[in-house]
N, C-alpha and C. Protein backbone atom coordinates (compact mmCIF):
# COMPACT_ATOMS: atom_id res chain seq x y z
N MET A 1 34.60 16.52 30.79
CA MET A 1 35.05 16.81 29.47
C MET A 1 34.05 17.76 28.83
N THR A 2 34.49 18.84 28.25
CA THR A 2 33.61 19.82 27.60
C THR A 2 33.46 19.46 26.13
N ASP A 3 32.56 20.18 25.45
CA ASP A 3 32.33 19.92 24.03
C ASP A 3 33.58 20.16 23.20
N ASP A 4 34.39 21.11 23.61
CA ASP A 4 35.60 21.42 22.85
C ASP A 4 36.65 20.33 22.99
N GLU A 5 36.63 19.60 24.12
CA GLU A 5 37.63 18.58 24.37
C GLU A 5 37.28 17.24 23.76
N ARG A 6 36.00 17.03 23.35
CA ARG A 6 35.58 15.74 22.77
C ARG A 6 36.22 15.54 21.41
N PRO A 7 36.55 14.29 21.12
CA PRO A 7 37.11 14.02 19.79
C PRO A 7 36.04 14.22 18.72
N PRO A 8 36.43 14.69 17.55
CA PRO A 8 35.43 14.91 16.49
C PRO A 8 34.79 13.58 16.07
N SER A 9 33.48 13.62 15.87
CA SER A 9 32.77 12.40 15.47
C SER A 9 32.80 12.27 13.95
N ASP A 10 32.14 11.28 13.46
CA ASP A 10 32.13 11.03 12.02
C ASP A 10 31.10 11.91 11.30
N GLY A 11 30.66 12.98 11.90
CA GLY A 11 29.70 13.89 11.29
C GLY A 11 28.28 13.66 11.76
N ASP A 12 28.05 12.64 12.57
CA ASP A 12 26.71 12.36 13.09
C ASP A 12 26.45 13.25 14.28
N LEU A 13 25.40 14.08 14.17
CA LEU A 13 25.09 15.01 15.24
C LEU A 13 24.11 14.43 16.26
N THR A 14 23.63 13.19 16.03
CA THR A 14 22.72 12.55 16.96
C THR A 14 23.51 12.08 18.17
N PRO A 15 23.16 12.56 19.38
CA PRO A 15 23.97 12.20 20.55
C PRO A 15 23.87 10.73 20.93
N GLU A 16 22.78 10.08 20.69
CA GLU A 16 22.67 8.67 21.05
C GLU A 16 21.84 7.92 20.01
N VAL A 17 22.15 6.70 19.82
CA VAL A 17 21.45 5.87 18.85
C VAL A 17 20.14 5.40 19.46
N GLY A 18 19.06 5.47 18.68
CA GLY A 18 17.77 5.00 19.17
C GLY A 18 17.08 5.98 20.09
N ALA A 19 17.46 7.25 20.04
CA ALA A 19 16.83 8.25 20.90
C ALA A 19 15.37 8.45 20.48
N ALA A 20 14.54 8.80 21.45
CA ALA A 20 13.13 9.06 21.16
C ALA A 20 13.03 10.29 20.27
N THR A 21 12.14 10.25 19.32
CA THR A 21 11.95 11.38 18.41
C THR A 21 10.51 11.85 18.47
N ASP A 22 10.25 12.94 17.79
CA ASP A 22 8.89 13.45 17.76
C ASP A 22 8.14 12.96 16.52
N ILE A 23 8.69 12.00 15.83
CA ILE A 23 8.06 11.45 14.63
C ILE A 23 7.11 10.33 15.03
N ALA A 24 5.93 10.32 14.43
CA ALA A 24 4.94 9.29 14.75
C ALA A 24 5.45 7.93 14.30
N PRO A 25 5.11 6.89 15.05
CA PRO A 25 5.55 5.55 14.65
C PRO A 25 4.88 5.13 13.34
N LEU A 26 5.61 4.33 12.58
CA LEU A 26 5.08 3.84 11.32
C LEU A 26 4.11 2.70 11.57
N GLY A 27 3.20 2.49 10.64
CA GLY A 27 2.26 1.40 10.75
C GLY A 27 0.96 1.85 11.37
N ARG A 28 0.10 0.91 11.54
CA ARG A 28 -1.21 1.21 12.13
C ARG A 28 -1.63 0.04 13.00
N GLY A 29 -2.60 0.29 13.83
CA GLY A 29 -3.06 -0.74 14.75
C GLY A 29 -3.96 -1.77 14.08
N GLU A 30 -4.75 -1.34 13.09
CA GLU A 30 -5.69 -2.26 12.44
C GLU A 30 -5.09 -2.80 11.15
N PRO A 31 -5.67 -3.85 10.60
CA PRO A 31 -5.14 -4.41 9.35
C PRO A 31 -5.32 -3.44 8.19
N LYS A 32 -4.52 -3.64 7.15
CA LYS A 32 -4.59 -2.79 5.96
C LYS A 32 -5.95 -2.94 5.27
N PRO A 33 -6.45 -1.85 4.68
CA PRO A 33 -7.67 -1.99 3.87
C PRO A 33 -7.38 -2.80 2.61
N ALA A 34 -8.41 -3.33 1.98
CA ALA A 34 -8.25 -4.24 0.84
C ALA A 34 -7.47 -3.60 -0.30
N HIS A 35 -7.65 -2.30 -0.53
CA HIS A 35 -6.98 -1.67 -1.66
C HIS A 35 -5.48 -1.44 -1.43
N GLU A 36 -4.99 -1.65 -0.20
CA GLU A 36 -3.57 -1.47 0.09
C GLU A 36 -2.80 -2.80 0.18
N LEU A 37 -3.49 -3.91 0.06
CA LEU A 37 -2.82 -5.20 0.17
C LEU A 37 -1.97 -5.47 -1.06
N THR A 38 -0.79 -6.05 -0.83
CA THR A 38 0.04 -6.48 -1.96
C THR A 38 -0.46 -7.84 -2.43
N ALA A 39 0.06 -8.30 -3.55
CA ALA A 39 -0.39 -9.58 -4.10
C ALA A 39 -0.12 -10.73 -3.14
N THR A 40 0.99 -10.68 -2.41
CA THR A 40 1.30 -11.77 -1.48
C THR A 40 0.46 -11.69 -0.21
N GLU A 41 -0.02 -10.50 0.14
CA GLU A 41 -0.83 -10.35 1.35
C GLU A 41 -2.31 -10.64 1.12
N ASP A 42 -2.75 -10.56 -0.13
CA ASP A 42 -4.17 -10.75 -0.44
C ASP A 42 -4.51 -12.23 -0.32
N THR A 43 -5.42 -12.54 0.58
CA THR A 43 -5.79 -13.94 0.79
C THR A 43 -6.93 -14.39 -0.12
N ASP A 44 -7.63 -13.43 -0.71
CA ASP A 44 -8.77 -13.76 -1.56
C ASP A 44 -8.69 -12.96 -2.86
N PRO A 45 -7.70 -13.27 -3.72
CA PRO A 45 -7.55 -12.49 -4.96
C PRO A 45 -8.72 -12.74 -5.92
N ILE A 46 -8.98 -11.76 -6.75
CA ILE A 46 -10.05 -11.85 -7.74
C ILE A 46 -9.48 -12.45 -9.01
N ASN A 47 -10.20 -13.39 -9.58
CA ASN A 47 -9.80 -13.99 -10.85
C ASN A 47 -10.29 -13.08 -11.97
N TRP A 48 -9.41 -12.18 -12.44
CA TRP A 48 -9.81 -11.18 -13.44
C TRP A 48 -10.17 -11.81 -14.77
N SER A 49 -9.58 -12.94 -15.10
CA SER A 49 -9.95 -13.62 -16.35
C SER A 49 -11.41 -14.03 -16.31
N ARG A 50 -11.86 -14.49 -15.15
CA ARG A 50 -13.27 -14.88 -15.01
C ARG A 50 -14.18 -13.65 -15.05
N VAL A 51 -13.71 -12.55 -14.47
CA VAL A 51 -14.52 -11.33 -14.47
C VAL A 51 -14.73 -10.83 -15.90
N THR A 52 -13.70 -10.89 -16.72
CA THR A 52 -13.83 -10.40 -18.10
C THR A 52 -14.76 -11.27 -18.93
N GLU A 53 -15.03 -12.47 -18.48
CA GLU A 53 -15.96 -13.36 -19.20
C GLU A 53 -17.41 -13.18 -18.77
N LEU A 54 -17.66 -12.40 -17.72
CA LEU A 54 -19.02 -12.19 -17.24
C LEU A 54 -19.82 -11.36 -18.25
N ALA A 55 -21.09 -11.70 -18.40
CA ALA A 55 -21.96 -10.96 -19.32
C ALA A 55 -22.11 -9.51 -18.86
N GLU A 56 -22.16 -9.29 -17.55
CA GLU A 56 -22.30 -7.93 -17.02
C GLU A 56 -21.09 -7.07 -17.37
N PHE A 57 -19.89 -7.67 -17.31
CA PHE A 57 -18.68 -6.94 -17.65
C PHE A 57 -18.68 -6.56 -19.12
N ARG A 58 -19.02 -7.49 -19.97
CA ARG A 58 -19.06 -7.21 -21.41
C ARG A 58 -20.11 -6.16 -21.73
N MET A 59 -21.24 -6.21 -21.04
CA MET A 59 -22.29 -5.21 -21.26
C MET A 59 -21.78 -3.82 -20.84
N MET A 60 -21.04 -3.75 -19.74
CA MET A 60 -20.49 -2.49 -19.28
C MET A 60 -19.49 -1.93 -20.30
N VAL A 61 -18.61 -2.77 -20.81
CA VAL A 61 -17.62 -2.33 -21.79
C VAL A 61 -18.31 -1.84 -23.06
N ARG A 62 -19.35 -2.56 -23.52
CA ARG A 62 -20.09 -2.12 -24.71
C ARG A 62 -20.76 -0.77 -24.47
N ALA A 63 -21.35 -0.58 -23.30
CA ALA A 63 -22.02 0.68 -22.99
C ALA A 63 -21.01 1.84 -22.99
N LYS A 64 -19.85 1.61 -22.43
CA LYS A 64 -18.82 2.65 -22.42
C LYS A 64 -18.35 2.96 -23.84
N ARG A 65 -18.15 1.94 -24.64
CA ARG A 65 -17.72 2.16 -26.03
C ARG A 65 -18.77 2.91 -26.82
N ARG A 66 -20.06 2.57 -26.60
CA ARG A 66 -21.14 3.25 -27.33
C ARG A 66 -21.18 4.73 -27.01
N PHE A 67 -20.72 5.11 -25.84
CA PHE A 67 -20.70 6.54 -25.50
C PHE A 67 -19.37 7.18 -25.90
N ILE A 68 -18.27 6.56 -25.53
CA ILE A 68 -16.96 7.20 -25.67
C ILE A 68 -16.52 7.35 -27.12
N ILE A 69 -16.70 6.34 -27.95
CA ILE A 69 -16.20 6.42 -29.33
C ILE A 69 -16.93 7.49 -30.13
N PRO A 70 -18.27 7.50 -30.18
CA PRO A 70 -18.92 8.58 -30.95
C PRO A 70 -18.65 9.97 -30.38
N THR A 71 -18.60 10.09 -29.07
CA THR A 71 -18.35 11.39 -28.46
C THR A 71 -16.94 11.86 -28.81
N SER A 72 -15.97 10.97 -28.77
CA SER A 72 -14.59 11.34 -29.10
C SER A 72 -14.47 11.74 -30.56
N VAL A 73 -15.11 11.00 -31.44
CA VAL A 73 -15.06 11.34 -32.87
C VAL A 73 -15.69 12.71 -33.10
N PHE A 74 -16.86 12.94 -32.51
CA PHE A 74 -17.52 14.24 -32.66
C PHE A 74 -16.62 15.35 -32.12
N PHE A 75 -16.04 15.14 -30.96
CA PHE A 75 -15.18 16.12 -30.32
C PHE A 75 -14.01 16.49 -31.23
N VAL A 76 -13.33 15.49 -31.78
CA VAL A 76 -12.16 15.74 -32.63
C VAL A 76 -12.58 16.46 -33.91
N VAL A 77 -13.63 15.99 -34.56
CA VAL A 77 -14.08 16.63 -35.80
C VAL A 77 -14.50 18.06 -35.54
N TYR A 78 -15.25 18.28 -34.49
CA TYR A 78 -15.76 19.62 -34.19
C TYR A 78 -14.61 20.59 -33.90
N TYR A 79 -13.63 20.17 -33.15
CA TYR A 79 -12.56 21.07 -32.76
C TYR A 79 -11.53 21.28 -33.86
N PHE A 80 -11.40 20.35 -34.79
CA PHE A 80 -10.50 20.57 -35.91
C PHE A 80 -11.21 21.23 -37.09
N ALA A 81 -12.52 21.38 -37.01
CA ALA A 81 -13.27 22.00 -38.10
C ALA A 81 -12.95 23.48 -38.23
N LEU A 82 -12.71 24.18 -37.15
CA LEU A 82 -12.45 25.62 -37.21
C LEU A 82 -11.24 25.96 -38.07
N PRO A 83 -10.07 25.39 -37.80
CA PRO A 83 -8.93 25.76 -38.66
C PRO A 83 -9.13 25.30 -40.11
N VAL A 84 -9.81 24.18 -40.30
CA VAL A 84 -10.06 23.70 -41.67
C VAL A 84 -10.99 24.66 -42.40
N LEU A 85 -12.08 25.06 -41.74
CA LEU A 85 -13.02 25.99 -42.36
C LEU A 85 -12.39 27.36 -42.61
N VAL A 86 -11.59 27.83 -41.69
CA VAL A 86 -10.92 29.11 -41.89
C VAL A 86 -9.97 29.02 -43.09
N GLY A 87 -9.31 27.88 -43.26
CA GLY A 87 -8.37 27.71 -44.36
C GLY A 87 -9.04 27.49 -45.70
N TYR A 88 -10.12 26.67 -45.72
CA TYR A 88 -10.74 26.30 -47.00
C TYR A 88 -12.00 27.09 -47.32
N ALA A 89 -12.60 27.76 -46.35
CA ALA A 89 -13.81 28.56 -46.61
C ALA A 89 -13.68 29.91 -45.91
N PRO A 90 -12.67 30.69 -46.29
CA PRO A 90 -12.46 31.96 -45.60
C PRO A 90 -13.60 32.96 -45.84
N GLY A 91 -14.24 32.87 -46.98
CA GLY A 91 -15.36 33.77 -47.25
C GLY A 91 -16.51 33.54 -46.30
N LEU A 92 -16.85 32.26 -46.06
CA LEU A 92 -17.93 31.91 -45.14
C LEU A 92 -17.57 32.32 -43.71
N MET A 93 -16.36 32.00 -43.28
CA MET A 93 -15.98 32.25 -41.89
C MET A 93 -15.78 33.73 -41.59
N SER A 94 -15.51 34.54 -42.61
CA SER A 94 -15.32 35.98 -42.38
C SER A 94 -16.62 36.76 -42.54
N ARG A 95 -17.71 36.09 -42.88
CA ARG A 95 -19.01 36.75 -43.04
C ARG A 95 -19.47 37.29 -41.69
N LYS A 96 -19.84 38.59 -41.67
CA LYS A 96 -20.27 39.25 -40.44
C LYS A 96 -21.66 38.76 -40.05
N VAL A 97 -21.84 38.48 -38.75
CA VAL A 97 -23.12 38.02 -38.24
C VAL A 97 -23.78 39.13 -37.45
N LEU A 98 -23.01 39.74 -36.56
CA LEU A 98 -23.54 40.79 -35.69
C LEU A 98 -22.43 41.80 -35.44
N GLY A 99 -22.49 42.95 -36.05
CA GLY A 99 -21.45 43.96 -35.90
C GLY A 99 -20.13 43.45 -36.44
N VAL A 100 -19.10 43.42 -35.60
CA VAL A 100 -17.79 42.93 -36.02
C VAL A 100 -17.63 41.43 -35.81
N VAL A 101 -18.62 40.79 -35.23
CA VAL A 101 -18.56 39.35 -34.94
C VAL A 101 -18.86 38.57 -36.22
N ASN A 102 -17.95 37.68 -36.57
CA ASN A 102 -18.15 36.85 -37.76
C ASN A 102 -18.35 35.38 -37.37
N PHE A 103 -18.56 34.53 -38.39
CA PHE A 103 -18.81 33.11 -38.13
C PHE A 103 -17.64 32.44 -37.41
N ALA A 104 -16.42 32.85 -37.72
CA ALA A 104 -15.25 32.23 -37.07
C ALA A 104 -15.26 32.49 -35.57
N TYR A 105 -15.61 33.72 -35.16
CA TYR A 105 -15.70 34.02 -33.73
C TYR A 105 -16.80 33.20 -33.07
N LEU A 106 -17.95 33.14 -33.71
CA LEU A 106 -19.06 32.37 -33.14
C LEU A 106 -18.70 30.89 -33.01
N PHE A 107 -18.05 30.37 -34.05
CA PHE A 107 -17.66 28.96 -34.02
C PHE A 107 -16.65 28.72 -32.90
N ALA A 108 -15.68 29.60 -32.76
CA ALA A 108 -14.66 29.45 -31.71
C ALA A 108 -15.31 29.52 -30.33
N LEU A 109 -16.23 30.46 -30.12
CA LEU A 109 -16.90 30.57 -28.83
C LEU A 109 -17.82 29.39 -28.57
N SER A 110 -18.39 28.83 -29.61
CA SER A 110 -19.28 27.68 -29.42
C SER A 110 -18.53 26.46 -28.90
N GLN A 111 -17.22 26.43 -29.10
CA GLN A 111 -16.44 25.29 -28.61
C GLN A 111 -16.44 25.22 -27.08
N PHE A 112 -16.52 26.35 -26.42
CA PHE A 112 -16.63 26.33 -24.96
C PHE A 112 -17.94 25.66 -24.54
N PHE A 113 -19.02 26.06 -25.18
CA PHE A 113 -20.32 25.49 -24.84
C PHE A 113 -20.38 24.00 -25.17
N MET A 114 -19.78 23.61 -26.29
CA MET A 114 -19.76 22.19 -26.65
C MET A 114 -18.96 21.38 -25.62
N ALA A 115 -17.87 21.92 -25.13
CA ALA A 115 -17.09 21.22 -24.10
C ALA A 115 -17.93 21.04 -22.84
N TRP A 116 -18.67 22.06 -22.45
CA TRP A 116 -19.53 21.96 -21.26
C TRP A 116 -20.65 20.94 -21.48
N ILE A 117 -21.21 20.94 -22.67
CA ILE A 117 -22.29 19.99 -22.98
C ILE A 117 -21.76 18.56 -22.95
N ILE A 118 -20.60 18.35 -23.55
CA ILE A 118 -20.02 17.00 -23.55
C ILE A 118 -19.69 16.57 -22.11
N ALA A 119 -19.18 17.48 -21.31
CA ALA A 119 -18.88 17.16 -19.91
C ALA A 119 -20.15 16.79 -19.16
N ALA A 120 -21.22 17.54 -19.37
CA ALA A 120 -22.49 17.24 -18.71
C ALA A 120 -23.04 15.88 -19.16
N LEU A 121 -22.93 15.58 -20.45
CA LEU A 121 -23.38 14.28 -20.94
C LEU A 121 -22.55 13.15 -20.34
N TYR A 122 -21.24 13.38 -20.19
CA TYR A 122 -20.40 12.34 -19.61
C TYR A 122 -20.75 12.12 -18.14
N ILE A 123 -21.03 13.19 -17.41
CA ILE A 123 -21.41 13.03 -16.00
C ILE A 123 -22.66 12.17 -15.89
N ARG A 124 -23.61 12.42 -16.77
CA ARG A 124 -24.85 11.63 -16.76
C ARG A 124 -24.57 10.17 -17.13
N ALA A 125 -23.73 9.97 -18.14
CA ALA A 125 -23.40 8.61 -18.56
C ALA A 125 -22.57 7.89 -17.49
N ALA A 126 -21.71 8.61 -16.80
CA ALA A 126 -20.86 8.00 -15.77
C ALA A 126 -21.69 7.42 -14.64
N ALA A 127 -22.83 8.04 -14.34
CA ALA A 127 -23.71 7.49 -13.30
C ALA A 127 -24.23 6.12 -13.73
N ARG A 128 -24.56 5.99 -15.00
CA ARG A 128 -24.99 4.66 -15.51
C ARG A 128 -23.83 3.68 -15.49
N PHE A 129 -22.63 4.15 -15.86
CA PHE A 129 -21.46 3.27 -15.83
C PHE A 129 -21.19 2.77 -14.42
N ASP A 130 -21.36 3.63 -13.43
CA ASP A 130 -21.15 3.23 -12.03
C ASP A 130 -22.12 2.12 -11.63
N GLN A 131 -23.37 2.23 -12.05
CA GLN A 131 -24.35 1.18 -11.74
C GLN A 131 -23.94 -0.14 -12.38
N LEU A 132 -23.47 -0.08 -13.63
CA LEU A 132 -23.01 -1.30 -14.29
C LEU A 132 -21.79 -1.88 -13.58
N GLU A 133 -20.88 -1.02 -13.14
CA GLU A 133 -19.69 -1.49 -12.43
C GLU A 133 -20.06 -2.16 -11.12
N HIS A 134 -21.05 -1.63 -10.41
CA HIS A 134 -21.49 -2.26 -9.16
C HIS A 134 -22.08 -3.64 -9.44
N LYS A 135 -22.79 -3.79 -10.55
CA LYS A 135 -23.33 -5.11 -10.92
C LYS A 135 -22.20 -6.10 -11.18
N VAL A 136 -21.15 -5.63 -11.87
CA VAL A 136 -20.01 -6.51 -12.15
C VAL A 136 -19.33 -6.91 -10.85
N ILE A 137 -19.12 -5.96 -9.94
CA ILE A 137 -18.48 -6.26 -8.66
C ILE A 137 -19.33 -7.23 -7.85
N ASP A 138 -20.65 -7.00 -7.83
CA ASP A 138 -21.54 -7.89 -7.09
C ASP A 138 -21.47 -9.31 -7.65
N LYS A 139 -21.45 -9.42 -8.96
CA LYS A 139 -21.41 -10.74 -9.59
C LYS A 139 -20.05 -11.42 -9.36
N ALA A 140 -18.96 -10.65 -9.41
CA ALA A 140 -17.62 -11.23 -9.28
C ALA A 140 -17.29 -11.61 -7.84
N MET A 141 -17.72 -10.79 -6.88
CA MET A 141 -17.30 -11.01 -5.50
C MET A 141 -18.44 -11.41 -4.57
N GLY A 142 -19.64 -11.26 -5.02
CA GLY A 142 -20.77 -11.50 -4.14
C GLY A 142 -21.18 -10.20 -3.48
N PRO A 143 -22.46 -10.02 -3.19
CA PRO A 143 -22.94 -8.73 -2.68
C PRO A 143 -22.34 -8.32 -1.34
N THR A 144 -22.03 -9.27 -0.45
CA THR A 144 -21.51 -8.86 0.86
C THR A 144 -20.06 -8.40 0.75
N ALA A 145 -19.26 -9.10 -0.03
CA ALA A 145 -17.86 -8.68 -0.20
C ALA A 145 -17.77 -7.40 -1.00
N ALA A 146 -18.64 -7.24 -1.99
CA ALA A 146 -18.61 -6.05 -2.83
C ALA A 146 -18.99 -4.80 -2.04
N SER A 147 -19.87 -4.93 -1.07
CA SER A 147 -20.29 -3.75 -0.31
C SER A 147 -19.15 -3.19 0.51
N LYS A 148 -18.14 -4.01 0.83
CA LYS A 148 -16.98 -3.51 1.57
C LYS A 148 -16.12 -2.61 0.70
N LEU A 149 -16.12 -2.86 -0.61
CA LEU A 149 -15.31 -2.05 -1.52
C LEU A 149 -15.95 -0.70 -1.82
N VAL A 150 -17.25 -0.66 -1.75
CA VAL A 150 -17.98 0.56 -2.08
C VAL A 150 -17.90 1.52 -0.91
N LYS A 151 -17.58 2.76 -1.17
CA LYS A 151 -17.45 3.76 -0.12
C LYS A 151 -18.79 3.90 0.61
N GLY A 152 -18.77 3.93 1.88
CA GLY A 152 -19.98 4.11 2.66
C GLY A 152 -20.52 2.80 3.21
N GLY A 153 -19.85 1.72 2.98
CA GLY A 153 -20.28 0.45 3.58
C GLY A 153 -21.37 -0.24 2.80
N PRO A 154 -22.19 -1.05 3.48
CA PRO A 154 -23.21 -1.83 2.79
C PRO A 154 -24.24 -0.95 2.11
N ARG A 155 -24.72 -1.46 0.96
CA ARG A 155 -25.73 -0.72 0.20
C ARG A 155 -27.09 -1.26 0.47
């Protein structure tokens, strides 16, 4: 029987069911890493209510708030100051500083530098936050279990 003589199929172009393909098999040979486990697969879940009661956790949250809240307030005030000053103090902002450059231009350009400074300060603060987070993990899970979560193995 040739291809022309075969009865038309239901639109399935696969010649046989269960044929070998070039697609890699799903799954893996080793067990899932801890961060991929579902709630039902996790045999040792963390009691997050207990973690939030730890002194180290509260100290970490306070340290983050002490940095983030003042920095955010400064950032918002500084960046909204330009349109406010241009609107309410046009004489000051149009005052020439150097050639055709006025205070408004300098203030606008300074926002780039302030963003870089704030980013650099956050990078420095984030290193301290990471140390505090490792203390919380060590306290919540124990140093041996916590070292498995940290990239690079035991510390």
